[in-house]
């Protein structure tokens, strides 16, 4: 699923007029680099899973449980159920798992909720 997610993410960035650079080395802490107007941004691609009105993704490496702080600038998340890419800054993400809500809450308490629509590419 990871390769499919990365391919979809790359296609979406290209549609939005980003130049996409792919590293030659493996095991870097980012999967691709975006360039637009001379600004370069390191991106870690992730596959998100959804259910019960939320999308979740891991904010740490599945290999060694290390966070990406300082190694990548953005997470680019692909969710095959919504068929969308979500872009989230690495800095400020919670440790372990991040949740994005797809639907409004019944209580209308939205102060600390991350809505998926706010992060769509």
C-alpha atoms as a PDB file:
ATOM      1  CA  UNK A   1       0.000   0.000   0.000  1.00  0.00           C
ATOM      2  CA  UNK A   2       2.903   2.381   0.696  1.00  0.00           C
ATOM      3  CA  UNK A   3       4.045   2.506  -2.939  1.00  0.00           C
ATOM      4  CA  UNK A   4       0.496   3.138  -4.141  1.00  0.00           C
ATOM      5  CA  UNK A   5       0.075   5.933  -1.605  1.00  0.00           C
ATOM      6  CA  UNK A   6       3.364   7.535  -2.613  1.00  0.00           C
ATOM      7  CA  UNK A   7       2.464   7.387  -6.323  1.00  0.00           C
ATOM      8  CA  UNK A   8      -0.903   9.018  -5.671  1.00  0.00           C
ATOM      9  CA  UNK A   9       0.728  11.708  -3.489  1.00  0.00           C
ATOM     10  CA  UNK A  10       3.291  12.510  -6.201  1.00  0.00           C
ATOM     11  CA  UNK A  11       0.547  12.783  -8.835  1.00  0.00           C
ATOM     12  CA  UNK A  12      -1.441  15.182  -6.644  1.00  0.00           C
ATOM     13  CA  UNK A  13       1.570  17.434  -6.013  1.00  0.00           C
ATOM     14  CA  UNK A  14       2.285  17.511  -9.762  1.00  0.00           C
ATOM     15  CA  UNK A  15      -1.342  18.560 -10.393  1.00  0.00           C
ATOM     16  CA  UNK A  16      -0.739  21.479  -8.009  1.00  0.00           C
ATOM     17  CA  UNK A  17       2.336  22.639  -9.982  1.00  0.00           C
ATOM     18  CA  UNK A  18       5.019  21.436  -7.566  1.00  0.00           C
ATOM     19  CA  UNK A  19       8.305  20.034  -8.856  1.00  0.00           C
ATOM     20  CA  UNK A  20       8.789  16.632  -7.212  1.00  0.00           C
ATOM     21  CA  UNK A  21      12.296  15.319  -6.535  1.00  0.00           C
ATOM     22  CA  UNK A  22      12.891  11.684  -5.574  1.00  0.00           C
ATOM     23  CA  UNK A  23      15.954  10.756  -3.499  1.00  0.00           C
ATOM     24  CA  UNK A  24      18.359   8.183  -4.874  1.00  0.00           C
ATOM     25  CA  UNK A  25      19.296   6.806  -1.443  1.00  0.00           C
ATOM     26  CA  UNK A  26      17.024   4.534   0.548  1.00  0.00           C
ATOM     27  CA  UNK A  27      16.313   4.862   4.255  1.00  0.00           C
ATOM     28  CA  UNK A  28      16.289   8.636   4.327  1.00  0.00           C
ATOM     29  CA  UNK A  29      13.878  10.213   6.793  1.00  0.00           C
ATOM     30  CA  UNK A  30      11.827  11.667   3.933  1.00  0.00           C
ATOM     31  CA  UNK A  31      10.362  10.143   0.787  1.00  0.00           C
ATOM     32  CA  UNK A  32      10.427  13.082  -1.605  1.00  0.00           C
ATOM     33  CA  UNK A  33      11.295  16.749  -1.896  1.00  0.00           C
ATOM     34  CA  UNK A  34       8.972  19.404  -3.252  1.00  0.00           C
ATOM     35  CA  UNK A  35      10.251  22.527  -4.979  1.00  0.00           C
ATOM     36  CA  UNK A  36       8.173  25.549  -5.825  1.00  0.00           C
ATOM     37  CA  UNK A  37       9.542  29.035  -6.497  1.00  0.00           C
ATOM     38  CA  UNK A  38      12.982  28.011  -5.222  1.00  0.00           C
ATOM     39  CA  UNK A  39      11.704  26.713  -1.867  1.00  0.00           C
ATOM     40  CA  UNK A  40      12.500  23.064  -1.067  1.00  0.00           C
ATOM     41  CA  UNK A  41      10.389  20.998   1.352  1.00  0.00           C
ATOM     42  CA  UNK A  42      11.102  17.464   2.601  1.00  0.00           C
ATOM     43  CA  UNK A  43       8.014  15.226   2.643  1.00  0.00           C
ATOM     44  CA  UNK A  44       7.363  11.967   4.470  1.00  0.00           C
ATOM     45  CA  UNK A  45       4.573  10.001   2.754  1.00  0.00           C
ATOM     46  CA  UNK A  46       2.131   7.979   4.821  1.00  0.00           C
ATOM     47  CA  UNK A  47      -0.895   5.795   4.230  1.00  0.00           C
ATOM     48  CA  UNK A  48      -3.863   6.689   6.412  1.00  0.00           C
ATOM     49  CA  UNK A  49      -6.630   4.362   7.498  1.00  0.00           C
ATOM     50  CA  UNK A  50     -10.193   5.452   8.114  1.00  0.00           C
ATOM     51  CA  UNK A  51     -13.285   4.301   9.924  1.00  0.00           C
ATOM     52  CA  UNK A  52     -15.962   5.710  12.213  1.00  0.00           C
ATOM     53  CA  UNK A  53     -15.614   9.175  10.679  1.00  0.00           C
ATOM     54  CA  UNK A  54     -11.874   9.561  11.313  1.00  0.00           C
ATOM     55  CA  UNK A  55      -8.562   9.097   9.500  1.00  0.00           C
ATOM     56  CA  UNK A  56      -5.480   7.946  11.411  1.00  0.00           C
ATOM     57  CA  UNK A  57      -1.800   7.739  10.531  1.00  0.00           C
ATOM     58  CA  UNK A  58       1.449   7.029  12.351  1.00  0.00           C
ATOM     59  CA  UNK A  59       3.652  10.041  13.085  1.00  0.00           C
ATOM     60  CA  UNK A  60       6.653   7.831  13.816  1.00  0.00           C
ATOM     61  CA  UNK A  61       8.677   5.434  11.708  1.00  0.00           C
ATOM     62  CA  UNK A  62       7.242   1.924  11.685  1.00  0.00           C
ATOM     63  CA  UNK A  63      10.816   0.554  11.669  1.00  0.00           C
ATOM     64  CA  UNK A  64      12.288   2.232  14.727  1.00  0.00           C
ATOM     65  CA  UNK A  65       9.459   4.327  16.268  1.00  0.00           C
ATOM     66  CA  UNK A  66      11.462   7.545  15.786  1.00  0.00           C
ATOM     67  CA  UNK A  67       9.678  10.810  15.161  1.00  0.00           C
ATOM     68  CA  UNK A  68      10.406  12.836  12.000  1.00  0.00           C
ATOM     69  CA  UNK A  69      11.075  16.157  13.751  1.00  0.00           C
ATOM     70  CA  UNK A  70      13.993  17.885  12.019  1.00  0.00           C
ATOM     71  CA  UNK A  71      14.191  15.191   9.320  1.00  0.00           C
ATOM     72  CA  UNK A  72      11.045  16.010   7.320  1.00  0.00           C
ATOM     73  CA  UNK A  73       8.973  19.166   7.022  1.00  0.00           C
ATOM     74  CA  UNK A  74       5.585  17.761   6.012  1.00  0.00           C
ATOM     75  CA  UNK A  75       3.577  14.585   6.149  1.00  0.00           C
ATOM     76  CA  UNK A  76       1.681  13.864   2.954  1.00  0.00           C
ATOM     77  CA  UNK A  77      -1.063  11.417   3.826  1.00  0.00           C
ATOM     78  CA  UNK A  78      -3.050   9.371   1.316  1.00  0.00           C
ATOM     79  CA  UNK A  79      -6.305   7.704   2.319  1.00  0.00           C
ATOM     80  CA  UNK A  80      -7.720   5.276  -0.233  1.00  0.00           C
ATOM     81  CA  UNK A  81     -11.254   5.407   1.215  1.00  0.00           C
ATOM     82  CA  UNK A  82     -11.540   9.186   0.668  1.00  0.00           C
ATOM     83  CA  UNK A  83      -9.157   9.147  -2.322  1.00  0.00           C
ATOM     84  CA  UNK A  84      -7.568  12.347  -1.020  1.00  0.00           C
ATOM     85  CA  UNK A  85      -4.146  13.635   0.020  1.00  0.00           C
ATOM     86  CA  UNK A  86      -3.772  15.540   3.287  1.00  0.00           C
ATOM     87  CA  UNK A  87      -0.711  17.678   4.058  1.00  0.00           C
ATOM     88  CA  UNK A  88       0.282  18.229   7.688  1.00  0.00           C
ATOM     89  CA  UNK A  89       3.381  19.931   9.139  1.00  0.00           C
ATOM     90  CA  UNK A  90       5.581  17.445  11.019  1.00  0.00           C
ATOM     91  CA  UNK A  91       6.241  19.979  13.735  1.00  0.00           C
ATOM     92  CA  UNK A  92       3.425  19.911  16.243  1.00  0.00           C
ATOM     93  CA  UNK A  93       2.111  16.461  15.384  1.00  0.00           C
ATOM     94  CA  UNK A  94       1.389  14.223  18.376  1.00  0.00           C
ATOM     95  CA  UNK A  95       3.684  11.325  19.166  1.00  0.00           C
ATOM     96  CA  UNK A  96       2.499   7.981  17.826  1.00  0.00           C
ATOM     97  CA  UNK A  97      -0.775   8.482  15.958  1.00  0.00           C
ATOM     98  CA  UNK A  98      -2.577  11.529  14.597  1.00  0.00           C
ATOM     99  CA  UNK A  99      -6.303  11.601  13.972  1.00  0.00           C
ATOM    100  CA  UNK A 100      -8.177  13.712  11.440  1.00  0.00           C
ATOM    101  CA  UNK A 101     -11.939  13.929  11.717  1.00  0.00           C
ATOM    102  CA  UNK A 102     -14.002  13.497   8.547  1.00  0.00           C
ATOM    103  CA  UNK A 103     -17.350  14.530   9.999  1.00  0.00           C
ATOM    104  CA  UNK A 104     -18.553  17.212  12.406  1.00  0.00           C
ATOM    105  CA  UNK A 105     -18.936  16.289  16.065  1.00  0.00           C
ATOM    106  CA  UNK A 106     -22.379  15.994  17.603  1.00  0.00           C
ATOM    107  CA  UNK A 107     -21.400  18.241  20.490  1.00  0.00           C
ATOM    108  CA  UNK A 108     -20.041  21.032  18.244  1.00  0.00           C
ATOM    109  CA  UNK A 109     -16.911  21.133  20.435  1.00  0.00           C
ATOM    110  CA  UNK A 110     -14.347  21.771  17.709  1.00  0.00           C
ATOM    111  CA  UNK A 111     -11.610  23.660  19.548  1.00  0.00           C
ATOM    112  CA  UNK A 112      -8.965  20.892  19.586  1.00  0.00           C
ATOM    113  CA  UNK A 113     -10.224  18.754  16.713  1.00  0.00           C
ATOM    114  CA  UNK A 114      -8.202  18.355  13.522  1.00  0.00           C
ATOM    115  CA  UNK A 115     -10.663  18.258  10.626  1.00  0.00           C
ATOM    116  CA  UNK A 116      -9.421  16.438   7.505  1.00  0.00           C
ATOM    117  CA  UNK A 117     -10.877  19.109   5.203  1.00  0.00           C
ATOM    118  CA  UNK A 118      -8.477  21.673   6.725  1.00  0.00           C
ATOM    119  CA  UNK A 119      -5.485  19.638   5.539  1.00  0.00           C
ATOM    120  CA  UNK A 120      -6.613  18.627   2.035  1.00  0.00           C
ATOM    121  CA  UNK A 121      -4.135  19.338  -0.730  1.00  0.00           C
END
